[in-house]
Structures are given as structure tokens and as C-alpha cells.
N, C-alpha and C. Protein backbone atom coordinates (compact mmCIF):
# COMPACT_ATOMS: atom_id res chain seq x y z
N MET A 1 190.14 150.09 124.04
CA MET A 1 189.69 149.46 122.54
C MET A 1 188.53 149.81 122.31
N LYS A 2 187.50 150.03 123.04
CA LYS A 2 186.12 150.54 122.80
C LYS A 2 186.39 151.98 121.90
N LYS A 3 187.06 152.99 122.60
CA LYS A 3 187.27 154.04 121.82
C LYS A 3 187.67 153.80 120.64
N PHE A 4 188.76 153.13 120.30
CA PHE A 4 189.04 152.76 119.28
C PHE A 4 188.35 152.31 118.08
N ILE A 5 187.46 151.30 118.38
CA ILE A 5 186.26 150.93 117.76
C ILE A 5 185.20 151.72 117.13
N MET A 6 185.07 152.48 118.20
CA MET A 6 184.23 153.75 117.80
C MET A 6 184.76 154.63 116.90
N SER A 7 185.83 154.95 117.09
CA SER A 7 186.76 155.78 116.08
C SER A 7 186.87 155.35 114.73
N LEU A 8 186.78 153.94 114.62
CA LEU A 8 186.55 153.29 113.21
C LEU A 8 185.41 153.47 112.67
N THR A 9 184.09 153.59 113.46
CA THR A 9 183.06 153.80 112.91
C THR A 9 182.74 155.19 112.51
N ILE A 10 183.29 156.05 113.24
CA ILE A 10 182.97 157.23 113.16
C ILE A 10 184.11 157.71 111.82
N SER A 11 185.13 157.51 111.90
CA SER A 11 185.78 157.65 110.34
C SER A 11 185.35 157.15 109.32
N ARG A 12 184.53 155.97 109.39
CA ARG A 12 183.83 155.46 108.26
C ARG A 12 182.83 156.46 107.78
N ALA A 13 181.95 156.94 108.56
CA ALA A 13 180.66 158.23 108.48
C ALA A 13 181.45 159.12 107.78
N MET A 14 182.47 159.68 108.43
CA MET A 14 183.11 160.90 107.94
C MET A 14 183.33 160.60 106.59
N SER A 15 184.12 159.24 106.07
CA SER A 15 184.76 159.38 104.96
C SER A 15 183.83 159.67 103.89
N GLY A 16 182.78 159.27 103.94
CA GLY A 16 181.43 159.39 102.71
C GLY A 16 181.53 160.94 102.27
N PRO A 17 181.41 161.78 103.12
CA PRO A 17 181.28 162.98 102.29
C PRO A 17 182.48 163.43 101.94
N PHE A 18 183.63 163.30 102.44
CA PHE A 18 185.15 163.40 101.82
C PHE A 18 185.07 162.83 100.40
N ILE A 19 184.62 161.51 100.31
CA ILE A 19 184.86 160.90 98.94
C ILE A 19 183.98 161.65 98.11
N PHE A 20 182.73 161.84 98.23
CA PHE A 20 181.90 162.36 97.49
C PHE A 20 182.63 164.27 97.12
N ILE A 21 183.16 164.86 97.97
CA ILE A 21 183.75 166.02 97.53
C ILE A 21 185.07 165.61 96.56
N PHE A 22 186.02 165.04 97.03
CA PHE A 22 187.17 164.48 96.30
C PHE A 22 186.87 164.08 94.75
N ILE A 23 185.61 163.22 94.60
CA ILE A 23 185.36 162.68 93.09
C ILE A 23 184.51 163.95 92.37
N THR A 24 183.65 164.31 93.19
CA THR A 24 182.82 165.65 92.13
C THR A 24 183.41 166.63 92.17
N PHE A 25 184.09 167.11 93.16
CA PHE A 25 184.51 168.34 92.84
C PHE A 25 185.87 168.56 92.43
N PHE A 26 186.97 167.50 92.49
CA PHE A 26 188.42 167.56 92.12
C PHE A 26 188.56 166.41 91.37
N GLU A 27 187.96 165.46 91.22
CA GLU A 27 188.21 164.35 90.09
C GLU A 27 189.51 163.51 90.87
N ALA A 28 189.27 163.29 92.27
CA ALA A 28 190.70 162.67 92.59
C ALA A 28 190.06 161.25 93.05
N PHE A 29 190.16 160.65 91.87
CA PHE A 29 189.54 159.14 91.91
C PHE A 29 190.43 158.38 92.43
N LEU A 30 191.82 158.12 92.15
CA LEU A 30 192.85 157.39 93.15
C LEU A 30 192.82 157.43 94.49
N VAL A 31 192.83 158.82 94.66
CA VAL A 31 192.65 159.35 96.34
C VAL A 31 191.20 158.58 97.08
N SER A 32 190.38 158.92 96.31
CA SER A 32 188.74 158.24 96.66
C SER A 32 188.97 156.87 96.91
N SER A 33 189.52 156.05 95.73
CA SER A 33 189.65 154.61 95.81
C SER A 33 190.27 154.13 97.28
N ILE A 34 191.51 154.69 97.40
CA ILE A 34 192.23 154.47 98.52
C ILE A 34 191.43 154.81 99.76
N LEU A 35 190.90 156.12 99.92
CA LEU A 35 189.79 156.09 101.05
C LEU A 35 188.78 155.54 101.11
N PHE A 36 188.28 155.25 100.17
CA PHE A 36 187.03 154.30 99.99
C PHE A 36 187.34 152.76 100.67
N THR A 37 188.16 152.00 100.09
CA THR A 37 188.88 150.75 100.59
C THR A 37 189.15 150.97 102.00
N ILE A 38 189.98 152.00 102.63
CA ILE A 38 190.16 151.88 103.89
C ILE A 38 189.07 151.86 105.00
N ALA A 39 188.20 152.76 104.47
CA ALA A 39 186.69 152.78 105.03
C ALA A 39 186.21 151.54 104.91
N ALA A 40 186.21 150.79 103.72
CA ALA A 40 185.37 149.76 103.94
C ALA A 40 185.84 148.79 104.60
N LEU A 41 187.31 148.54 104.78
CA LEU A 41 188.30 147.88 105.76
C LEU A 41 187.58 148.10 107.20
N THR A 42 187.25 149.27 107.44
CA THR A 42 187.10 149.38 108.95
C THR A 42 185.60 148.97 109.22
N ASP A 43 184.63 148.86 108.07
CA ASP A 43 183.64 148.15 108.37
C ASP A 43 183.66 146.55 108.99
N PHE A 44 184.77 145.97 108.25
CA PHE A 44 185.11 144.68 108.59
C PHE A 44 185.91 144.66 110.18
N LEU A 45 186.60 145.71 110.29
CA LEU A 45 187.59 145.44 111.50
C LEU A 45 186.77 145.84 112.72
N ASP A 46 185.90 146.89 112.83
CA ASP A 46 185.32 147.23 113.68
C ASP A 46 184.13 146.20 114.39
N GLY A 47 183.65 145.48 113.24
CA GLY A 47 182.65 144.23 113.69
C GLY A 47 183.68 143.26 114.31
N TYR A 48 184.84 142.96 113.89
CA TYR A 48 185.53 142.14 114.34
C TYR A 48 186.03 141.99 115.41
N LEU A 49 186.65 143.52 115.83
CA LEU A 49 187.34 143.74 116.88
C LEU A 49 185.93 143.52 118.04
N SER A 50 184.87 144.09 117.88
CA SER A 50 183.94 144.43 118.81
C SER A 50 183.61 142.70 119.44
N ARG A 51 183.32 141.81 118.13
CA ARG A 51 183.06 140.31 118.66
C ARG A 51 183.99 139.73 119.54
N LYS A 52 185.09 140.07 118.97
CA LYS A 52 186.50 139.25 119.53
C LYS A 52 186.65 139.86 120.99
N PHE A 53 186.49 140.90 121.31
CA PHE A 53 187.08 141.54 122.79
C PHE A 53 185.53 141.53 123.27
N SER A 54 184.45 140.99 122.85
CA SER A 54 183.06 141.44 123.57
C SER A 54 182.94 142.71 123.88
N LEU A 55 183.02 143.85 123.08
CA LEU A 55 182.67 145.22 123.06
C LEU A 55 181.54 145.68 122.42
N GLU A 56 180.74 144.83 122.19
CA GLU A 56 179.72 145.17 121.30
C GLU A 56 178.53 146.28 122.26
N SER A 57 178.46 147.40 121.66
CA SER A 57 177.66 148.39 122.42
C SER A 57 176.12 148.73 121.54
N GLU A 58 175.44 149.29 122.42
CA GLU A 58 174.14 149.74 121.80
C GLU A 58 174.44 150.68 121.08
N ILE A 59 175.29 151.62 121.39
CA ILE A 59 175.47 153.00 120.60
C ILE A 59 176.25 152.37 119.23
N GLY A 60 176.86 151.29 119.42
CA GLY A 60 178.00 150.60 118.42
C GLY A 60 176.74 149.97 117.10
N LYS A 61 175.88 149.28 117.61
CA LYS A 61 174.80 148.77 116.92
C LYS A 61 174.02 149.82 116.08
N VAL A 62 173.87 151.04 116.60
CA VAL A 62 172.99 151.89 115.98
C VAL A 62 174.08 152.59 114.95
N LEU A 63 175.09 153.19 115.52
CA LEU A 63 176.04 153.84 114.54
C LEU A 63 176.60 153.13 113.46
N ASP A 64 176.92 152.10 113.56
CA ASP A 64 177.70 151.07 112.57
C ASP A 64 177.08 151.04 111.18
N PRO A 65 175.56 150.71 111.34
CA PRO A 65 174.72 150.82 109.71
C PRO A 65 174.62 152.02 109.51
N ILE A 66 174.47 153.30 110.20
CA ILE A 66 174.50 154.56 109.76
C ILE A 66 175.56 154.63 108.90
N ALA A 67 176.73 154.57 109.55
CA ALA A 67 178.03 154.85 108.82
C ALA A 67 178.02 154.23 107.75
N ASP A 68 178.03 153.01 107.81
CA ASP A 68 177.67 152.13 106.36
C ASP A 68 176.79 152.84 105.60
N LYS A 69 175.78 153.48 105.63
CA LYS A 69 174.71 154.12 104.92
C LYS A 69 175.31 155.03 104.35
N ILE A 70 175.83 156.07 105.11
CA ILE A 70 176.52 157.43 104.54
C ILE A 70 177.81 157.11 103.73
N LEU A 71 178.63 156.08 103.92
CA LEU A 71 179.59 155.89 103.09
C LEU A 71 179.10 155.28 101.57
N LEU A 72 178.20 154.40 101.86
CA LEU A 72 177.64 153.95 100.64
C LEU A 72 176.66 155.07 99.69
N THR A 73 175.83 155.75 100.37
CA THR A 73 175.12 156.69 99.82
C THR A 73 175.97 157.83 98.94
N CYS A 74 176.83 158.20 99.94
CA CYS A 74 177.77 159.39 99.28
C CYS A 74 178.69 158.76 98.04
N SER A 75 179.24 157.44 98.42
CA SER A 75 179.73 157.15 97.11
C SER A 75 179.03 156.70 95.86
N LEU A 76 177.98 156.26 95.90
CA LEU A 76 176.92 155.82 94.89
C LEU A 76 176.72 157.25 94.39
N LEU A 77 176.30 158.02 94.78
CA LEU A 77 175.92 159.58 94.28
C LEU A 77 176.85 159.96 93.32
N SER A 78 178.24 160.02 93.89
CA SER A 78 179.40 160.40 93.09
C SER A 78 179.31 159.63 91.86
N ILE A 79 179.08 158.46 91.78
CA ILE A 79 178.84 157.37 90.54
C ILE A 79 178.11 158.05 89.49
N ILE A 80 176.83 158.35 90.40
CA ILE A 80 175.66 158.70 89.45
C ILE A 80 175.95 159.81 88.68
N LEU A 81 176.68 160.95 89.41
CA LEU A 81 176.73 161.97 88.70
C LEU A 81 177.95 162.03 87.83
N LEU A 82 179.04 161.12 88.14
CA LEU A 82 180.21 161.00 87.11
C LEU A 82 179.83 160.23 85.70
N THR A 83 178.88 159.15 85.78
CA THR A 83 178.43 158.22 84.82
C THR A 83 177.46 159.30 84.05
N ASP A 84 176.47 159.80 84.65
CA ASP A 84 175.45 160.43 83.78
C ASP A 84 174.69 159.56 83.01
N ASP A 85 174.45 158.22 83.68
CA ASP A 85 174.03 157.14 82.96
C ASP A 85 172.59 156.60 83.68
N LEU A 86 171.51 156.87 82.90
CA LEU A 86 170.22 156.05 83.56
C LEU A 86 170.37 154.62 84.13
N PHE A 87 170.72 153.75 83.29
CA PHE A 87 170.83 152.46 84.04
C PHE A 87 171.47 152.38 85.33
N ILE A 88 172.72 152.96 85.30
CA ILE A 88 173.32 153.14 86.51
C ILE A 88 172.63 153.88 87.65
N ALA A 89 171.78 155.01 87.31
CA ALA A 89 171.03 155.66 88.34
C ALA A 89 169.83 154.88 88.69
N THR A 90 169.48 154.03 87.78
CA THR A 90 168.28 153.05 88.61
C THR A 90 168.66 151.85 89.09
N VAL A 91 169.79 151.36 88.99
CA VAL A 91 170.29 150.09 89.71
C VAL A 91 170.65 150.73 91.03
N ILE A 92 171.45 151.84 91.11
CA ILE A 92 171.58 152.46 92.56
C ILE A 92 170.47 153.07 93.21
N MET A 93 169.48 153.47 92.64
CA MET A 93 168.44 153.95 93.13
C MET A 93 167.68 152.39 93.95
N ILE A 94 167.75 151.33 93.20
CA ILE A 94 167.15 150.12 93.57
C ILE A 94 167.92 149.79 95.07
N ILE A 95 169.12 149.69 94.78
CA ILE A 95 170.03 149.58 95.78
C ILE A 95 169.76 150.29 97.26
N LEU A 96 169.67 151.75 97.07
CA LEU A 96 169.30 152.61 98.17
C LEU A 96 167.84 152.36 98.79
N VAL A 97 167.29 152.22 97.79
CA VAL A 97 165.92 151.83 98.54
C VAL A 97 165.60 150.71 99.27
N ARG A 98 166.39 149.74 99.00
CA ARG A 98 166.70 148.26 99.67
C ARG A 98 167.17 148.71 100.93
N GLU A 99 168.44 149.50 101.07
CA GLU A 99 168.80 150.02 102.25
C GLU A 99 168.09 150.55 103.35
N PHE A 100 167.11 151.50 102.66
CA PHE A 100 166.48 152.09 103.58
C PHE A 100 165.35 151.79 104.22
N TRP A 101 164.76 150.59 103.26
CA TRP A 101 163.75 149.55 103.47
C TRP A 101 164.13 148.66 104.66
N VAL A 102 165.10 148.23 104.69
CA VAL A 102 165.92 147.15 105.57
C VAL A 102 166.28 148.06 106.75
N ALA A 103 166.65 148.90 106.92
CA ALA A 103 167.19 149.84 107.70
C ALA A 103 165.80 150.24 108.70
N GLY A 104 164.68 150.50 108.02
CA GLY A 104 163.41 151.03 108.56
C GLY A 104 162.83 149.40 109.36
N LEU A 105 163.00 148.36 108.82
CA LEU A 105 162.65 147.19 109.45
C LEU A 105 163.29 146.91 110.45
N ARG A 106 164.60 147.08 110.66
CA ARG A 106 165.47 146.92 111.83
C ARG A 106 165.25 147.98 112.84
N GLU A 107 164.98 149.45 112.41
CA GLU A 107 164.46 150.26 113.63
C GLU A 107 163.25 149.92 114.09
N PHE A 108 162.21 149.42 113.38
CA PHE A 108 161.12 149.04 113.89
C PHE A 108 161.19 147.75 114.85
N SER A 109 161.90 146.71 114.41
CA SER A 109 162.22 145.46 115.20
C SER A 109 162.89 145.89 116.82
N GLU A 110 163.86 146.93 116.38
CA GLU A 110 164.69 147.48 117.79
C GLU A 110 163.51 148.06 118.94
N LYS A 111 162.62 148.94 118.16
CA LYS A 111 161.70 149.57 119.09
C LYS A 111 160.62 148.61 119.60
N ASN A 112 160.40 147.85 119.08
CA ASN A 112 159.38 146.67 119.44
C ASN A 112 160.01 145.49 120.17
N LYS A 113 161.47 145.51 120.21
CA LYS A 113 161.99 144.07 121.07
C LYS A 113 161.96 143.18 120.15
N LEU A 114 162.14 143.24 118.71
CA LEU A 114 161.97 142.14 117.90
C LEU A 114 163.48 141.76 117.25
N GLU A 115 164.48 142.50 117.84
CA GLU A 115 165.88 142.40 117.04
C GLU A 115 166.14 141.27 116.42
N LYS A 116 165.97 140.28 117.26
CA LYS A 116 166.44 138.95 116.46
C LYS A 116 165.91 138.78 115.19
N SER A 117 164.81 138.97 114.75
CA SER A 117 164.04 138.69 113.67
C SER A 117 164.62 139.24 112.47
N ILE A 118 165.52 140.31 112.40
CA ILE A 118 166.25 140.52 111.34
C ILE A 118 167.86 141.08 111.57
N SER A 119 168.25 139.94 112.03
CA SER A 119 169.94 140.16 112.12
C SER A 119 170.42 140.16 110.91
N VAL A 120 171.63 140.42 110.92
CA VAL A 120 172.17 140.62 109.72
C VAL A 120 172.61 139.15 109.16
N SER A 121 172.25 139.07 108.08
CA SER A 121 172.36 137.65 107.33
C SER A 121 173.84 137.51 106.65
N TYR A 122 174.23 136.40 106.19
CA TYR A 122 175.26 136.05 105.47
C TYR A 122 175.21 136.54 103.88
N LEU A 123 174.02 136.74 103.39
CA LEU A 123 173.75 137.03 102.15
C LEU A 123 173.73 138.45 102.25
N GLY A 124 173.38 139.43 103.34
CA GLY A 124 173.46 140.74 103.47
C GLY A 124 175.02 140.98 103.53
N LYS A 125 175.81 140.24 104.02
CA LYS A 125 177.51 140.32 104.09
C LYS A 125 178.05 140.41 102.60
N VAL A 126 177.37 139.46 101.97
CA VAL A 126 178.06 139.25 100.52
C VAL A 126 177.43 140.44 99.81
N LYS A 127 176.45 140.71 99.87
CA LYS A 127 175.69 142.06 99.23
C LYS A 127 176.69 143.21 99.39
N THR A 128 176.88 143.57 100.58
CA THR A 128 177.94 144.62 100.91
C THR A 128 179.04 144.58 100.30
N SER A 129 179.75 143.23 100.23
CA SER A 129 180.96 143.03 99.78
C SER A 129 180.89 143.39 98.27
N PHE A 130 179.78 142.93 97.66
CA PHE A 130 179.92 143.27 96.18
C PHE A 130 179.61 144.80 96.20
N GLN A 131 178.98 145.53 96.86
CA GLN A 131 178.74 146.97 96.58
C GLN A 131 180.04 147.60 96.76
N PHE A 132 180.71 147.15 97.66
CA PHE A 132 182.13 147.71 97.92
C PHE A 132 183.12 147.55 96.73
N ILE A 133 183.08 146.47 96.46
CA ILE A 133 183.87 146.10 95.13
C ILE A 133 183.23 146.70 93.93
N ALA A 134 182.11 146.76 93.69
CA ALA A 134 181.91 147.97 92.69
C ALA A 134 182.22 149.04 92.68
N ILE A 135 182.27 149.74 93.79
CA ILE A 135 182.33 151.20 94.12
C ILE A 135 183.64 151.49 93.79
N ILE A 136 184.81 150.36 94.36
CA ILE A 136 186.36 150.52 94.05
C ILE A 136 186.46 150.30 92.86
N SER A 137 185.77 149.44 92.04
CA SER A 137 185.97 149.30 90.71
C SER A 137 185.99 150.33 90.06
N PHE A 138 184.83 151.07 90.30
CA PHE A 138 184.41 152.30 89.53
C PHE A 138 185.38 153.52 89.98
N PHE A 139 185.72 153.66 90.85
CA PHE A 139 186.58 154.78 91.22
C PHE A 139 188.25 154.35 90.61
N VAL A 140 188.71 153.22 90.65
CA VAL A 140 190.13 152.90 90.24
C VAL A 140 189.69 152.94 88.58
N SER A 141 188.35 152.64 87.85
CA SER A 141 188.29 152.63 86.57
C SER A 141 188.03 154.09 85.88
N PHE A 142 187.76 155.20 86.84
CA PHE A 142 187.93 156.55 86.70
C PHE A 142 189.21 157.15 86.53
N SER A 143 189.73 156.44 87.68
CA SER A 143 191.34 156.78 87.33
C SER A 143 192.02 156.62 86.39
N PHE A 144 191.68 155.59 85.84
CA PHE A 144 192.61 155.00 84.63
C PHE A 144 191.89 155.48 83.28
N ASN A 145 190.61 156.23 83.30
CA ASN A 145 189.61 156.51 82.16
C ASN A 145 189.35 155.36 81.51
N SER A 146 189.22 153.85 82.05
CA SER A 146 189.06 152.77 81.51
C SER A 146 187.46 152.43 80.95
N SER A 147 187.36 152.25 79.76
CA SER A 147 185.80 152.07 79.55
C SER A 147 185.53 150.62 79.94
N LEU A 148 186.37 149.71 79.74
CA LEU A 148 186.31 148.32 80.03
C LEU A 148 185.93 148.44 81.81
N GLY A 149 186.84 149.08 82.37
CA GLY A 149 186.98 149.05 83.91
C GLY A 149 185.45 149.29 84.18
N GLN A 150 184.96 150.41 83.54
CA GLN A 150 183.51 151.19 83.81
C GLN A 150 182.35 149.96 83.43
N PHE A 151 182.74 149.29 82.34
CA PHE A 151 181.72 148.34 82.30
C PHE A 151 181.53 147.04 83.19
N LEU A 152 182.85 146.59 83.50
CA LEU A 152 182.96 145.61 84.59
C LEU A 152 182.16 146.10 85.86
N SER A 153 182.73 147.32 86.43
CA SER A 153 181.99 147.74 87.40
C SER A 153 180.77 148.04 87.50
N SER A 154 179.98 148.38 86.29
CA SER A 154 178.23 148.23 85.79
C SER A 154 177.91 146.96 86.13
N PHE A 155 178.53 145.95 85.58
CA PHE A 155 178.35 144.34 86.05
C PHE A 155 178.29 144.13 87.60
N PHE A 156 179.49 144.36 88.17
CA PHE A 156 179.38 144.18 89.51
C PHE A 156 178.28 145.07 90.28
N LEU A 157 178.20 146.25 89.97
CA LEU A 157 177.04 147.14 90.66
C LEU A 157 175.67 146.17 90.10
N PHE A 158 175.38 145.82 89.02
CA PHE A 158 174.22 145.04 88.92
C PHE A 158 173.98 143.70 89.80
N LEU A 159 175.28 143.01 89.68
CA LEU A 159 175.29 141.77 90.61
C LEU A 159 174.75 142.08 91.89
N SER A 160 175.15 143.47 92.65
CA SER A 160 175.18 143.78 94.04
C SER A 160 173.47 144.13 94.15
N MET A 161 172.78 144.61 93.06
CA MET A 161 171.74 145.07 92.87
C MET A 161 170.77 143.65 93.19
N LEU A 162 171.28 142.74 92.20
CA LEU A 162 170.33 141.55 92.60
C LEU A 162 170.69 140.78 94.13
N LEU A 163 171.74 141.02 94.54
CA LEU A 163 172.09 140.39 95.99
C LEU A 163 171.28 141.39 97.08
N SER A 164 171.10 142.43 96.79
CA SER A 164 170.33 143.60 97.62
C SER A 164 168.90 143.20 97.36
N ILE A 165 168.11 142.98 96.38
CA ILE A 165 166.76 142.85 96.09
C ILE A 165 166.46 141.37 96.77
N LYS A 166 167.49 140.29 96.79
CA LYS A 166 167.25 139.09 97.13
C LYS A 166 167.46 139.10 98.85
N SER A 167 168.49 139.97 99.40
CA SER A 167 168.55 139.62 100.80
C SER A 167 167.50 140.97 101.43
N GLY A 168 166.89 141.88 100.73
CA GLY A 168 165.71 142.66 101.36
C GLY A 168 164.72 142.10 101.44
N LEU A 169 164.33 140.95 100.33
CA LEU A 169 163.13 140.12 100.20
C LEU A 169 163.32 139.12 101.20
N ASP A 170 164.40 138.52 101.66
CA ASP A 170 164.85 137.72 102.66
C ASP A 170 164.59 138.38 104.10
N TYR A 171 165.02 139.53 104.23
CA TYR A 171 164.86 140.29 105.49
C TYR A 171 163.22 140.62 105.70
N SER A 172 162.41 141.06 104.72
CA SER A 172 161.16 141.15 104.83
C SER A 172 160.53 139.93 104.83
N GLN A 173 160.81 138.87 104.38
CA GLN A 173 159.99 137.63 104.87
C GLN A 173 160.34 137.17 106.40
N ARG A 174 161.33 137.45 106.69
CA ARG A 174 161.79 137.12 108.08
C ARG A 174 160.92 138.30 108.92
N PHE A 175 161.17 139.47 108.69
CA PHE A 175 160.30 140.48 109.43
C PHE A 175 158.91 140.01 109.64
N LEU A 176 158.02 139.73 108.19
CA LEU A 176 156.62 139.37 108.47
C LEU A 176 156.42 138.15 108.88
N LYS A 177 157.50 137.14 109.06
CA LYS A 177 157.21 135.80 109.82
C LYS A 177 157.39 135.99 111.39
N ARG A 178 157.97 137.08 111.65
CA ARG A 178 158.22 136.90 113.06
C ARG A 178 157.09 136.30 114.07
N ASP A 179 156.18 136.88 113.66
CA ASP A 179 154.80 136.38 114.67
C ASP A 179 154.58 135.02 114.27
N SER A 180 154.65 134.64 113.37
CA SER A 180 154.26 133.12 113.10
C SER A 180 154.67 131.87 113.73
């Protein structure tokens, strides 16, 4: 079971570059939608199985957020290239800055044995869900060349940016208060 859980995490990390290639070189939007949806489900499934069977591992704690960042970054970069839209690029830049900022806080906490100060929050999980919904929505909208779908996808992406900012501020605040 432990190997299966780890294979879910690794497959999620590997999906990101494939999605980027499928989108940017082949315009295989529907295939990318399906691949991204499966990869997003592995994010839930590997965490669920790890907790349910008490198989959480140190390497899993490190690789899981890295796999998420690879999947997210590759997918968002492909959206920037396809839309060629400054607003969307700015929203995505803010989302990615938050992701790397929080990853840095987590790494510092881990190295200094402060892990509990910035554990994953409920808001962080909601933020991730909104990001995944926005990305899937974009890919499906590209599949059907839907302007309305792309507009709604932009709205979901904007909401995920707001959630990213809020959860990033919350993580930062908890990190700074850890000694108080």
C-alpha cells in the first residue's frame, strides 16, 4: 500500500510536464482536462490513504507538496501561454508567489523543528480546490472554444487568488507568532 501511495504522488508530479506539453504543443485540451482531473484526485487519494492506514512518511510529506507545485505550475504556465492575457498572468503570478512563499515557510519550519506552526489549514485545502476547479474549467473551455467558459474560469482563478492571498497571510501570521 505504501508503494501505491507513493506512486500516486509521483504520477501527479509527472503529469504536470505532460499536461504542459499536451496543451502548448498539441492543443489536446480534453486529454489535458482528463489527465489533470485524475492527477488532482490523486492529491486527495494519497493523503486520504496515508492517514487512513497510518502510512504517512517523511518522504511523502516532502514529495506531496512538491508534486502539487509541479502540477500546478505546469498547468498555470500553459494557461498563461494560451490566453496571452496580462490579467490572467498577473493573477497566476500572485498565486505562484504565494505557493513558493508558503513552501519556504514550511521548509524553514521543518529544518528548525517548528513543523506544527504551519501545518496545512482548511483554508489552504479550499484554496487548492478552487485552483483545481479553475484549471479544469480553463482546459474544458479551451476544448470547446467557449468564451463564456474562459470568462468563468478567469473568475474561478481570481477567487483562488484571493483565497491564496488570505491563506498565505494566515500561514505567515502563524509562522511569525510561533514564538509568542
